[in-house]
Amino acid sequence: MTWSGVLLVTAVVWAVSLIRSVRLRALVYSLPLPMTLALVSSGHRVEGAQVLGVLGLNLFFVTVAFSYQRLRWPILLADGAGIAVYVALSAGLLAVDIPFGAALAGTLVLWLAAMLVLRRRALARPAPADARPSADARQDGLPALLKLMVIFVGAVLTTLLGAVLRGMVVTFPYSGVLVAVEARRQLVEFSRHFARNSLALVGFLTAYHHLQDVSPTVALGAGWAAFAVVAAALHLPVRPRPAERAAMASRTPEPHQVRTPTDGS
């Protein structure tokens, strides 16, 4: 990737670092900006392997979150584990010819299964009595200029690594390596939101695949349009189902459990 790609990755990570909402962080990160630059600068085609690469992006964050929060590894070591998993997956995908239709169908099935599992876990997980909203990300305390320098150096290193992945460079988590460091205190929540938004990336790659023989420019325009449509659909307000309303009601304290101040107390 060119220096423009390095600067773009730096800009994306910098923007994500300034956003306090974890949900909005995940949405901004899911924008296919690195994918667009990789397609423009490398000339690679989008085939079945690249669609499965979206699963690799999710697997990267799952690996980092598991290594950092469960295994208690340092965040940089956890990042390295995530990269190793993505590179290993890429090597396997590049070794075989995967039809685009089969890859797309498999990705959609796995995405739907993941969403069902995440929803069931959310319903089954009891909310602590003193729980506070986790939408606000904590500040890591680094001075702004130092943070920008670290992000820039990291973008250069990850760009050099991504250059050896051939076609899988399209979905390599360039900014994800650095975003994982920025969002390390909310990795599980961030991963859930990104998993949901990743369907929009599948839409981007699908539209690009079907129009890439017409014109790269047309394919990119269609890809971004597909991304916008899917992302908007994913974030439409949804009325809770009866089971979800019952679960939420069970988490709400009963009136007699809430102490209210009285005169003379």
C-alpha atoms as a PDB file:
ATOM      1  CA  MET A   1       0.000   0.000   0.000  1.00  0.00           C
ATOM      2  CA  THR A   2       1.208   3.511  -0.791  1.00  0.00           C
ATOM      3  CA  TRP A   3       1.949   6.360   1.633  1.00  0.00           C
ATOM      4  CA  SER A   4      -1.576   7.591   1.029  1.00  0.00           C
ATOM      5  CA  GLY A   5      -2.753   4.290   2.459  1.00  0.00           C
ATOM      6  CA  VAL A   6      -0.562   4.724   5.511  1.00  0.00           C
ATOM      7  CA  LEU A   7      -1.956   8.213   6.064  1.00  0.00           C
ATOM      8  CA  LEU A   8      -5.517   6.958   5.613  1.00  0.00           C
ATOM      9  CA  VAL A   9      -5.025   4.161   8.144  1.00  0.00           C
ATOM     10  CA  THR A  10      -3.546   6.717  10.539  1.00  0.00           C
ATOM     11  CA  ALA A  11      -6.531   9.020  10.023  1.00  0.00           C
ATOM     12  CA  VAL A  12      -9.056   6.222  10.606  1.00  0.00           C
ATOM     13  CA  VAL A  13      -7.407   5.061  13.828  1.00  0.00           C
ATOM     14  CA  TRP A  14      -7.025   8.667  15.005  1.00  0.00           C
ATOM     15  CA  ALA A  15     -10.723   9.303  14.378  1.00  0.00           C
ATOM     16  CA  VAL A  16     -11.675   6.113  16.215  1.00  0.00           C
ATOM     17  CA  SER A  17      -9.483   7.113  19.172  1.00  0.00           C
ATOM     18  CA  LEU A  18     -11.442  10.360  19.524  1.00  0.00           C
ATOM     19  CA  ILE A  19     -14.870   8.680  19.575  1.00  0.00           C
ATOM     20  CA  ARG A  20     -16.194   7.851  23.026  1.00  0.00           C
ATOM     21  CA  SER A  21     -19.122   5.646  21.991  1.00  0.00           C
ATOM     22  CA  VAL A  22     -18.034   2.036  21.455  1.00  0.00           C
ATOM     23  CA  ARG A  23     -20.928   1.484  19.063  1.00  0.00           C
ATOM     24  CA  LEU A  24     -19.927   4.470  16.939  1.00  0.00           C
ATOM     25  CA  ARG A  25     -16.284   3.417  17.117  1.00  0.00           C
ATOM     26  CA  ALA A  26     -17.170   0.052  15.594  1.00  0.00           C
ATOM     27  CA  LEU A  27     -19.223   1.700  12.857  1.00  0.00           C
ATOM     28  CA  VAL A  28     -16.441   4.114  11.882  1.00  0.00           C
ATOM     29  CA  TYR A  29     -13.890   1.308  11.886  1.00  0.00           C
ATOM     30  CA  SER A  30     -16.113  -0.817   9.631  1.00  0.00           C
ATOM     31  CA  LEU A  31     -16.050   1.814   6.873  1.00  0.00           C
ATOM     32  CA  PRO A  32     -14.342   0.095   3.873  1.00  0.00           C
ATOM     33  CA  LEU A  33     -11.694   2.798   3.485  1.00  0.00           C
ATOM     34  CA  PRO A  34      -8.640   0.486   3.744  1.00  0.00           C
ATOM     35  CA  MET A  35     -10.398  -2.015   1.460  1.00  0.00           C
ATOM     36  CA  THR A  36     -10.942   0.693  -1.121  1.00  0.00           C
ATOM     37  CA  LEU A  37      -7.314   1.775  -1.050  1.00  0.00           C
ATOM     38  CA  ALA A  38      -6.108  -1.822  -1.212  1.00  0.00           C
ATOM     39  CA  LEU A  39      -8.274  -2.507  -4.253  1.00  0.00           C
ATOM     40  CA  VAL A  40      -7.209   0.694  -6.000  1.00  0.00           C
ATOM     41  CA  SER A  41      -3.485   0.375  -5.293  1.00  0.00           C
ATOM     42  CA  SER A  42      -3.018  -3.380  -5.635  1.00  0.00           C
ATOM     43  CA  GLY A  43      -5.338  -4.252  -8.505  1.00  0.00           C
ATOM     44  CA  HIS A  44      -6.477  -7.462  -6.786  1.00  0.00           C
ATOM     45  CA  ARG A  45      -9.833  -8.935  -7.705  1.00  0.00           C
ATOM     46  CA  VAL A  46     -12.563  -9.722  -5.200  1.00  0.00           C
ATOM     47  CA  GLU A  47     -13.325 -13.429  -5.174  1.00  0.00           C
ATOM     48  CA  GLY A  48     -14.572 -15.957  -2.630  1.00  0.00           C
ATOM     49  CA  ALA A  49     -11.438 -15.756  -0.489  1.00  0.00           C
ATOM     50  CA  GLN A  50     -11.894 -12.031   0.087  1.00  0.00           C
ATOM     51  CA  VAL A  51     -15.488 -12.498   1.268  1.00  0.00           C
ATOM     52  CA  LEU A  52     -14.295 -15.101   3.761  1.00  0.00           C
ATOM     53  CA  GLY A  53     -11.658 -12.564   4.747  1.00  0.00           C
ATOM     54  CA  VAL A  54     -14.444 -10.619   6.496  1.00  0.00           C
ATOM     55  CA  LEU A  55     -14.761 -13.613   8.816  1.00  0.00           C
ATOM     56  CA  GLY A  56     -11.021 -13.305   9.290  1.00  0.00           C
ATOM     57  CA  LEU A  57     -11.481  -9.720  10.476  1.00  0.00           C
ATOM     58  CA  ASN A  58     -13.955 -10.890  13.103  1.00  0.00           C
ATOM     59  CA  LEU A  59     -11.694 -13.765  14.087  1.00  0.00           C
ATOM     60  CA  PHE A  60      -8.870 -11.265  14.541  1.00  0.00           C
ATOM     61  CA  PHE A  61     -10.840  -9.265  17.124  1.00  0.00           C
ATOM     62  CA  VAL A  62     -12.091 -12.410  18.869  1.00  0.00           C
ATOM     63  CA  THR A  63      -8.510 -13.661  19.175  1.00  0.00           C
ATOM     64  CA  VAL A  64      -7.256 -10.341  20.514  1.00  0.00           C
ATOM     65  CA  ALA A  65     -10.118 -10.066  23.006  1.00  0.00           C
ATOM     66  CA  PHE A  66      -9.640 -13.645  24.234  1.00  0.00           C
ATOM     67  CA  SER A  67      -5.862 -13.302  24.545  1.00  0.00           C
ATOM     68  CA  TYR A  68      -6.027  -9.930  26.283  1.00  0.00           C
ATOM     69  CA  GLN A  69      -8.963 -10.416  28.645  1.00  0.00           C
ATOM     70  CA  ARG A  70      -9.016 -14.166  29.302  1.00  0.00           C
ATOM     71  CA  LEU A  71      -5.346 -15.103  28.987  1.00  0.00           C
ATOM     72  CA  ARG A  72      -4.180 -11.736  30.394  1.00  0.00           C
ATOM     73  CA  TRP A  73      -1.606 -11.254  27.638  1.00  0.00           C
ATOM     74  CA  PRO A  74      -0.224  -7.759  27.013  1.00  0.00           C
ATOM     75  CA  ILE A  75      -2.268  -6.013  24.340  1.00  0.00           C
ATOM     76  CA  LEU A  76       0.588  -5.953  21.830  1.00  0.00           C
ATOM     77  CA  LEU A  77       1.137  -9.688  22.244  1.00  0.00           C
ATOM     78  CA  ALA A  78      -2.609 -10.254  21.871  1.00  0.00           C
ATOM     79  CA  ASP A  79      -2.491  -8.146  18.699  1.00  0.00           C
ATOM     80  CA  GLY A  80       0.290 -10.372  17.404  1.00  0.00           C
ATOM     81  CA  ALA A  81      -1.816 -13.448  18.079  1.00  0.00           C
ATOM     82  CA  GLY A  82      -4.695 -11.924  16.131  1.00  0.00           C
ATOM     83  CA  ILE A  83      -2.425 -11.163  13.178  1.00  0.00           C
ATOM     84  CA  ALA A  84      -1.012 -14.707  13.261  1.00  0.00           C
ATOM     85  CA  VAL A  85      -4.526 -16.164  13.148  1.00  0.00           C
ATOM     86  CA  TYR A  86      -5.492 -13.916  10.228  1.00  0.00           C
ATOM     87  CA  VAL A  87      -2.305 -14.764   8.295  1.00  0.00           C
ATOM     88  CA  ALA A  88      -2.834 -18.499   8.883  1.00  0.00           C
ATOM     89  CA  LEU A  89      -6.441 -18.239   7.704  1.00  0.00           C
ATOM     90  CA  SER A  90      -5.323 -16.285   4.638  1.00  0.00           C
ATOM     91  CA  ALA A  91      -2.736 -18.913   3.738  1.00  0.00           C
ATOM     92  CA  GLY A  92      -5.419 -21.599   3.857  1.00  0.00           C
ATOM     93  CA  LEU A  93      -7.884 -19.569   1.793  1.00  0.00           C
ATOM     94  CA  LEU A  94      -5.296 -18.741  -0.874  1.00  0.00           C
ATOM     95  CA  ALA A  95      -4.323 -22.407  -1.197  1.00  0.00           C
ATOM     96  CA  VAL A  96      -7.714 -23.406  -2.630  1.00  0.00           C
ATOM     97  CA  ASP A  97     -10.092 -21.984  -5.213  1.00  0.00           C
ATOM     98  CA  ILE A  98     -13.297 -20.962  -3.436  1.00  0.00           C
ATOM     99  CA  PRO A  99     -16.359 -20.184  -5.606  1.00  0.00           C
ATOM    100  CA  PHE A 100     -17.788 -16.788  -4.786  1.00  0.00           C
ATOM    101  CA  GLY A 101     -21.353 -18.074  -4.363  1.00  0.00           C
ATOM    102  CA  ALA A 102     -20.322 -20.758  -1.891  1.00  0.00           C
ATOM    103  CA  ALA A 103     -18.167 -18.293   0.059  1.00  0.00           C
ATOM    104  CA  LEU A 104     -20.991 -15.752   0.207  1.00  0.00           C
ATOM    105  CA  ALA A 105     -23.552 -18.331   1.344  1.00  0.00           C
ATOM    106  CA  GLY A 106     -21.218 -19.694   4.005  1.00  0.00           C
ATOM    107  CA  THR A 107     -20.390 -16.214   5.267  1.00  0.00           C
ATOM    108  CA  LEU A 108     -24.051 -15.239   5.538  1.00  0.00           C
ATOM    109  CA  VAL A 109     -24.924 -18.443   7.407  1.00  0.00           C
ATOM    110  CA  LEU A 110     -22.068 -17.964   9.863  1.00  0.00           C
ATOM    111  CA  TRP A 111     -22.954 -14.284  10.343  1.00  0.00           C
ATOM    112  CA  LEU A 112     -26.586 -15.144  11.101  1.00  0.00           C
ATOM    113  CA  ALA A 113     -25.534 -17.893  13.518  1.00  0.00           C
ATOM    114  CA  ALA A 114     -23.186 -15.468  15.292  1.00  0.00           C
ATOM    115  CA  MET A 115     -25.951 -12.877  15.637  1.00  0.00           C
ATOM    116  CA  LEU A 116     -28.316 -15.448  17.143  1.00  0.00           C
ATOM    117  CA  VAL A 117     -25.677 -16.590  19.638  1.00  0.00           C
ATOM    118  CA  LEU A 118     -24.835 -13.010  20.639  1.00  0.00           C
ATOM    119  CA  ARG A 119     -28.513 -12.161  21.105  1.00  0.00           C
ATOM    120  CA  ARG A 120     -29.140 -15.200  23.284  1.00  0.00           C
ATOM    121  CA  ARG A 121     -26.116 -14.401  25.417  1.00  0.00           C
ATOM    122  CA  ALA A 122     -27.281 -10.813  25.813  1.00  0.00           C
ATOM    123  CA  LEU A 123     -30.718 -11.989  26.965  1.00  0.00           C
ATOM    124  CA  ALA A 124     -29.307 -14.607  29.309  1.00  0.00           C
ATOM    125  CA  ARG A 125     -26.678 -12.351  30.875  1.00  0.00           C
ATOM    126  CA  PRO A 126     -28.070 -10.693  34.032  1.00  0.00           C
ATOM    127  CA  ALA A 127     -27.360  -6.994  34.355  1.00  0.00           C
ATOM    128  CA  PRO A 128     -25.535  -6.025  37.567  1.00  0.00           C
ATOM    129  CA  ALA A 129     -27.542  -3.850  39.925  1.00  0.00           C
ATOM    130  CA  ASP A 130     -24.936  -1.120  39.786  1.00  0.00           C
ATOM    131  CA  ALA A 131     -24.230  -1.438  36.060  1.00  0.00           C
ATOM    132  CA  ARG A 132     -23.364   1.735  34.240  1.00  0.00           C
ATOM    133  CA  PRO A 133     -23.632   2.316  30.499  1.00  0.00           C
ATOM    134  CA  SER A 134     -20.418   1.229  28.769  1.00  0.00           C
ATOM    135  CA  ALA A 135     -20.933   3.359  25.691  1.00  0.00           C
ATOM    136  CA  ASP A 136     -18.238   5.787  26.766  1.00  0.00           C
ATOM    137  CA  ALA A 137     -14.688   4.669  26.162  1.00  0.00           C
ATOM    138  CA  ARG A 138     -12.051   5.549  28.689  1.00  0.00           C
ATOM    139  CA  GLN A 139      -9.137   7.710  27.790  1.00  0.00           C
ATOM    140  CA  ASP A 140      -5.776   5.967  27.712  1.00  0.00           C
ATOM    141  CA  GLY A 141      -3.937   9.031  29.014  1.00  0.00           C
ATOM    142  CA  LEU A 142      -1.464   9.363  26.130  1.00  0.00           C
ATOM    143  CA  PRO A 143      -0.775  12.923  24.968  1.00  0.00           C
ATOM    144  CA  ALA A 144      -2.430  13.638  21.632  1.00  0.00           C
ATOM    145  CA  LEU A 145       0.826  14.162  19.696  1.00  0.00           C
ATOM    146  CA  LEU A 146       2.437  11.024  21.110  1.00  0.00           C
ATOM    147  CA  LYS A 147      -0.673   9.017  20.317  1.00  0.00           C
ATOM    148  CA  LEU A 148      -0.608  10.259  16.721  1.00  0.00           C
ATOM    149  CA  MET A 149       3.053   9.282  16.352  1.00  0.00           C
ATOM    150  CA  VAL A 150       2.405   5.789  17.732  1.00  0.00           C
ATOM    151  CA  ILE A 151      -0.548   5.344  15.396  1.00  0.00           C
ATOM    152  CA  PHE A 152       1.522   6.463  12.398  1.00  0.00           C
ATOM    153  CA  VAL A 153       4.417   4.105  13.154  1.00  0.00           C
ATOM    154  CA  GLY A 154       1.971   1.255  13.711  1.00  0.00           C
ATOM    155  CA  ALA A 155       0.247   2.002  10.405  1.00  0.00           C
ATOM    156  CA  VAL A 156       3.587   1.803   8.563  1.00  0.00           C
ATOM    157  CA  LEU A 157       4.452  -1.545  10.155  1.00  0.00           C
ATOM    158  CA  THR A 158       1.052  -3.124   9.522  1.00  0.00           C
ATOM    159  CA  THR A 159       1.071  -1.854   5.941  1.00  0.00           C
ATOM    160  CA  LEU A 160       4.432  -3.556   5.324  1.00  0.00           C
ATOM    161  CA  LEU A 161       3.049  -6.783   6.771  1.00  0.00           C
ATOM    162  CA  GLY A 162      -0.144  -6.582   4.757  1.00  0.00           C
ATOM    163  CA  ALA A 163       1.841  -6.240   1.530  1.00  0.00           C
ATOM    164  CA  VAL A 164       2.918  -9.915   1.687  1.00  0.00           C
ATOM    165  CA  LEU A 165      -0.618 -11.341   1.770  1.00  0.00           C
ATOM    166  CA  ARG A 166      -1.390 -11.137  -1.966  1.00  0.00           C
ATOM    167  CA  GLY A 167      -5.168 -11.071  -2.517  1.00  0.00           C
ATOM    168  CA  MET A 168      -5.952 -11.248   1.191  1.00  0.00           C
ATOM    169  CA  VAL A 169      -4.392  -7.822   1.600  1.00  0.00           C
ATOM    170  CA  VAL A 170      -7.868  -6.493   0.731  1.00  0.00           C
ATOM    171  CA  THR A 171      -9.324  -7.496   4.093  1.00  0.00           C
ATOM    172  CA  PHE A 172      -6.170  -7.323   6.216  1.00  0.00           C
ATOM    173  CA  PRO A 173      -6.980  -5.504   9.500  1.00  0.00           C
ATOM    174  CA  TYR A 174      -4.659  -2.558   8.879  1.00  0.00           C
ATOM    175  CA  SER A 175      -6.318  -0.151  11.262  1.00  0.00           C
ATOM    176  CA  GLY A 176      -7.763  -3.008  13.317  1.00  0.00           C
ATOM    177  CA  VAL A 177      -4.358  -3.800  14.800  1.00  0.00           C
ATOM    178  CA  LEU A 178      -4.201  -0.281  16.215  1.00  0.00           C
ATOM    179  CA  VAL A 179      -7.910   0.084  16.959  1.00  0.00           C
ATOM    180  CA  ALA A 180      -7.671  -3.013  19.164  1.00  0.00           C
ATOM    181  CA  VAL A 181      -5.095  -1.169  21.267  1.00  0.00           C
ATOM    182  CA  GLU A 182      -7.285   1.937  21.488  1.00  0.00           C
ATOM    183  CA  ALA A 183     -10.412  -0.074  22.373  1.00  0.00           C
ATOM    184  CA  ARG A 184      -8.656  -2.613  24.608  1.00  0.00           C
ATOM    185  CA  ARG A 185     -10.883  -1.862  27.617  1.00  0.00           C
ATOM    186  CA  GLN A 186     -14.028  -2.499  25.578  1.00  0.00           C
ATOM    187  CA  LEU A 187     -12.797  -5.254  23.231  1.00  0.00           C
ATOM    188  CA  VAL A 188     -15.688  -7.646  23.837  1.00  0.00           C
ATOM    189  CA  GLU A 189     -18.337  -4.983  23.311  1.00  0.00           C
ATOM    190  CA  PHE A 190     -16.439  -3.554  20.331  1.00  0.00           C
ATOM    191  CA  SER A 191     -16.179  -7.031  18.774  1.00  0.00           C
ATOM    192  CA  ARG A 192     -19.945  -7.541  19.108  1.00  0.00           C
ATOM    193  CA  HIS A 193     -20.732  -4.274  17.367  1.00  0.00           C
ATOM    194  CA  PHE A 194     -18.160  -4.890  14.634  1.00  0.00           C
ATOM    195  CA  ALA A 195     -19.498  -8.412  14.027  1.00  0.00           C
ATOM    196  CA  ARG A 196     -22.897  -6.899  13.339  1.00  0.00           C
ATOM    197  CA  ASN A 197     -21.500  -4.173  11.075  1.00  0.00           C
ATOM    198  CA  SER A 198     -19.362  -6.652   9.129  1.00  0.00           C
ATOM    199  CA  LEU A 199     -22.418  -7.644   7.095  1.00  0.00           C
ATOM    200  CA  ALA A 200     -22.150  -4.236   5.419  1.00  0.00           C
ATOM    201  CA  LEU A 201     -18.577  -5.129   4.394  1.00  0.00           C
ATOM    202  CA  VAL A 202     -19.916  -8.311   2.823  1.00  0.00           C
ATOM    203  CA  GLY A 203     -22.350  -6.119   0.880  1.00  0.00           C
ATOM    204  CA  PHE A 204     -19.478  -3.909  -0.274  1.00  0.00           C
ATOM    205  CA  LEU A 205     -17.418  -6.862  -1.518  1.00  0.00           C
ATOM    206  CA  THR A 206     -20.417  -8.526  -3.172  1.00  0.00           C
ATOM    207  CA  ALA A 207     -21.328  -5.443  -5.174  1.00  0.00           C
ATOM    208  CA  TYR A 208     -17.689  -4.901  -6.151  1.00  0.00           C
ATOM    209  CA  HIS A 209     -17.328  -8.524  -7.274  1.00  0.00           C
ATOM    210  CA  HIS A 210     -20.282  -8.379  -9.646  1.00  0.00           C
ATOM    211  CA  LEU A 211     -19.196  -5.107 -11.276  1.00  0.00           C
ATOM    212  CA  GLN A 212     -15.395  -5.335 -11.200  1.00  0.00           C
ATOM    213  CA  ASP A 213     -15.281  -6.495 -14.839  1.00  0.00           C
ATOM    214  CA  VAL A 214     -17.319  -3.475 -15.906  1.00  0.00           C
ATOM    215  CA  SER A 215     -15.133  -0.793 -14.335  1.00  0.00           C
ATOM    216  CA  PRO A 216     -13.220  -0.503 -11.058  1.00  0.00           C
ATOM    217  CA  THR A 217     -14.731   2.943 -10.543  1.00  0.00           C
ATOM    218  CA  VAL A 218     -18.269   1.674 -11.080  1.00  0.00           C
ATOM    219  CA  ALA A 219     -17.554  -1.309  -8.851  1.00  0.00           C
ATOM    220  CA  LEU A 220     -16.292   0.912  -6.030  1.00  0.00           C
ATOM    221  CA  GLY A 221     -19.302   3.201  -6.316  1.00  0.00           C
ATOM    222  CA  ALA A 222     -21.661   0.235  -6.180  1.00  0.00           C
ATOM    223  CA  GLY A 223     -19.714  -1.235  -3.290  1.00  0.00           C
ATOM    224  CA  TRP A 224     -20.001   1.915  -1.202  1.00  0.00           C
ATOM    225  CA  ALA A 225     -23.701   2.198  -2.050  1.00  0.00           C
ATOM    226  CA  ALA A 226     -24.269  -1.398  -0.951  1.00  0.00           C
ATOM    227  CA  PHE A 227     -22.326  -0.755   2.247  1.00  0.00           C
ATOM    228  CA  ALA A 228     -24.445   2.309   3.030  1.00  0.00           C
ATOM    229  CA  VAL A 229     -27.733   0.492   2.402  1.00  0.00           C
ATOM    230  CA  VAL A 230     -26.819  -2.539   4.527  1.00  0.00           C
ATOM    231  CA  ALA A 231     -25.347  -0.397   7.318  1.00  0.00           C
ATOM    232  CA  ALA A 232     -28.480   1.757   7.408  1.00  0.00           C
ATOM    233  CA  ALA A 233     -30.679  -1.357   7.559  1.00  0.00           C
ATOM    234  CA  LEU A 234     -28.603  -2.793  10.402  1.00  0.00           C
ATOM    235  CA  HIS A 235     -29.028   0.363  12.469  1.00  0.00           C
ATOM    236  CA  LEU A 236     -32.748   0.858  11.962  1.00  0.00           C
ATOM    237  CA  PRO A 237     -34.619   0.894  15.291  1.00  0.00           C
ATOM    238  CA  VAL A 238     -36.103  -2.537  15.957  1.00  0.00           C
ATOM    239  CA  ARG A 239     -39.049  -3.117  18.260  1.00  0.00           C
ATOM    240  CA  PRO A 240     -38.084  -5.664  20.961  1.00  0.00           C
ATOM    241  CA  ARG A 241     -39.699  -9.082  20.695  1.00  0.00           C
ATOM    242  CA  PRO A 242     -41.882 -10.388  23.573  1.00  0.00           C
ATOM    243  CA  ALA A 243     -39.028 -12.573  24.870  1.00  0.00           C
ATOM    244  CA  GLU A 244     -36.654  -9.611  24.818  1.00  0.00           C
ATOM    245  CA  ARG A 245     -39.155  -7.365  26.577  1.00  0.00           C
ATOM    246  CA  ALA A 246     -39.634 -10.033  29.244  1.00  0.00           C
ATOM    247  CA  ALA A 247     -35.867 -10.335  29.699  1.00  0.00           C
ATOM    248  CA  MET A 248     -35.484  -6.575  30.025  1.00  0.00           C
ATOM    249  CA  ALA A 249     -38.385  -6.408  32.461  1.00  0.00           C
ATOM    250  CA  SER A 250     -36.770  -9.089  34.617  1.00  0.00           C
ATOM    251  CA  ARG A 251     -33.676  -6.902  34.931  1.00  0.00           C
ATOM    252  CA  THR A 252     -35.673  -3.881  36.100  1.00  0.00           C
ATOM    253  CA  PRO A 253     -35.797  -3.596  39.910  1.00  0.00           C
ATOM    254  CA  GLU A 254     -39.215  -4.059  41.476  1.00  0.00           C
ATOM    255  CA  PRO A 255     -40.754  -0.924  43.047  1.00  0.00           C
ATOM    256  CA  HIS A 256     -40.388  -2.338  46.570  1.00  0.00           C
ATOM    257  CA  GLN A 257     -36.657  -2.927  45.944  1.00  0.00           C
ATOM    258  CA  VAL A 258     -35.979   0.736  45.263  1.00  0.00           C
ATOM    259  CA  ARG A 259     -35.441   2.794  48.402  1.00  0.00           C
ATOM    260  CA  THR A 260     -36.966   6.236  48.298  1.00  0.00           C
ATOM    261  CA  PRO A 261     -36.222   8.977  50.825  1.00  0.00           C
ATOM    262  CA  THR A 262     -38.973   9.670  53.317  1.00  0.00           C
ATOM    263  CA  ASP A 263     -39.555  12.476  55.747  1.00  0.00           C
ATOM    264  CA  GLY A 264     -37.489  12.100  58.870  1.00  0.00           C
ATOM    265  CA  SER A 265     -35.205   9.445  57.372  1.00  0.00           C
END
